[in-house]
């Protein structure tokens, strides 16, 4: 999935745990606010958010018929995620 087409907000915070402090990253999708990724690295949080989006909207990004599709890159259309 091309992350350049998905607006997201990445936040990091230190969390105090019993064994010490840990930095946690939260990645919030700005199109679908219910898709959130959490990880101990930036990449883990982005990967988790992307996986959640693919689970939720994966069928929207798959071409129905490759022979009839002008755009066979498999890239997703941001208009398909619109809630309006």
Protein backbone atom coordinates (compact mmCIF):
# COMPACT_ATOMS: atom_id res chain seq x y z
CA UNK A 1 0.00 0.00 0.00
CA UNK A 2 1.27 3.46 -0.90
CA UNK A 3 1.43 5.47 2.34
CA UNK A 4 1.93 8.74 0.46
CA UNK A 5 -1.77 8.67 -0.43
CA UNK A 6 -2.94 8.18 3.17
CA UNK A 7 -2.87 11.12 5.58
CA UNK A 8 -1.86 9.99 9.06
CA UNK A 9 -0.75 11.44 12.39
CA UNK A 10 2.18 9.84 14.22
CA UNK A 11 2.54 10.48 17.95
CA UNK A 12 5.19 9.14 20.31
CA UNK A 13 5.11 9.09 24.09
CA UNK A 14 7.21 7.65 26.89
CA UNK A 15 5.28 5.11 28.93
CA UNK A 16 6.41 4.16 32.42
CA UNK A 17 6.34 0.40 32.88
CA UNK A 18 7.42 -1.78 35.82
CA UNK A 19 10.76 -2.58 34.15
CA UNK A 20 11.46 0.98 32.95
CA UNK A 21 10.44 3.60 30.43
CA UNK A 22 9.42 2.58 26.93
CA UNK A 23 8.74 4.80 23.92
CA UNK A 24 5.47 3.94 22.20
CA UNK A 25 4.35 5.19 18.78
CA UNK A 26 0.69 5.63 17.82
CA UNK A 27 -0.26 6.11 14.17
CA UNK A 28 -3.76 7.47 13.54
CA UNK A 29 -5.30 7.34 10.06
CA UNK A 30 -6.90 10.72 9.32
CA UNK A 31 -9.40 9.22 6.86
CA UNK A 32 -10.76 6.47 9.11
CA UNK A 33 -10.12 7.36 12.74
CA UNK A 34 -10.88 3.81 13.87
CA UNK A 35 -7.74 2.56 12.10
CA UNK A 36 -4.94 2.98 14.60
CA UNK A 37 -1.52 1.38 14.70
CA UNK A 38 0.56 1.04 17.85
CA UNK A 39 4.18 -0.09 18.05
CA UNK A 40 7.51 0.37 19.76
CA UNK A 41 8.99 1.83 16.57
CA UNK A 42 7.69 4.21 13.95
CA UNK A 43 7.69 1.50 11.31
CA UNK A 44 5.78 -0.93 13.55
CA UNK A 45 3.05 1.66 14.15
CA UNK A 46 2.79 2.51 10.42
CA UNK A 47 2.74 -1.19 9.51
CA UNK A 48 -0.02 -1.87 12.05
CA UNK A 49 -2.16 1.01 10.73
CA UNK A 50 -1.62 -0.11 7.14
CA UNK A 51 -2.54 -3.70 8.01
CA UNK A 52 -5.73 -2.47 9.68
CA UNK A 53 -6.65 -0.42 6.60
CA UNK A 54 -5.98 -3.39 4.32
CA UNK A 55 -8.11 -5.65 6.53
CA UNK A 56 -10.95 -3.15 6.47
CA UNK A 57 -10.79 -1.88 2.88
CA UNK A 58 -8.61 -4.42 1.08
CA UNK A 59 -11.32 -5.42 -1.37
CA UNK A 60 -11.63 -1.78 -2.48
CA UNK A 61 -8.01 -1.77 -3.71
CA UNK A 62 -8.07 -5.04 -5.61
CA UNK A 63 -8.93 -4.65 -9.31
CA UNK A 64 -12.14 -6.48 -10.24
CA UNK A 65 -10.91 -7.57 -13.65
CA UNK A 66 -7.34 -6.89 -14.69
CA UNK A 67 -8.16 -6.89 -18.41
CA UNK A 68 -10.86 -4.22 -18.08
CA UNK A 69 -8.96 -1.97 -15.67
CA UNK A 70 -7.07 1.01 -17.05
CA UNK A 71 -5.16 1.42 -13.78
CA UNK A 72 -3.72 -1.98 -12.96
CA UNK A 73 -1.28 -0.76 -10.31
CA UNK A 74 -3.53 -1.90 -7.48
CA UNK A 75 -3.23 1.51 -5.81
CA UNK A 76 -6.20 2.50 -3.75
CA UNK A 77 -8.54 5.34 -4.61
CA UNK A 78 -8.88 7.80 -1.73
CA UNK A 79 -12.47 8.58 -2.79
CA UNK A 80 -13.47 5.00 -1.95
CA UNK A 81 -12.68 5.68 1.72
CA UNK A 82 -14.85 8.79 1.88
CA UNK A 83 -17.53 8.59 4.53
CA UNK A 84 -19.72 11.17 2.77
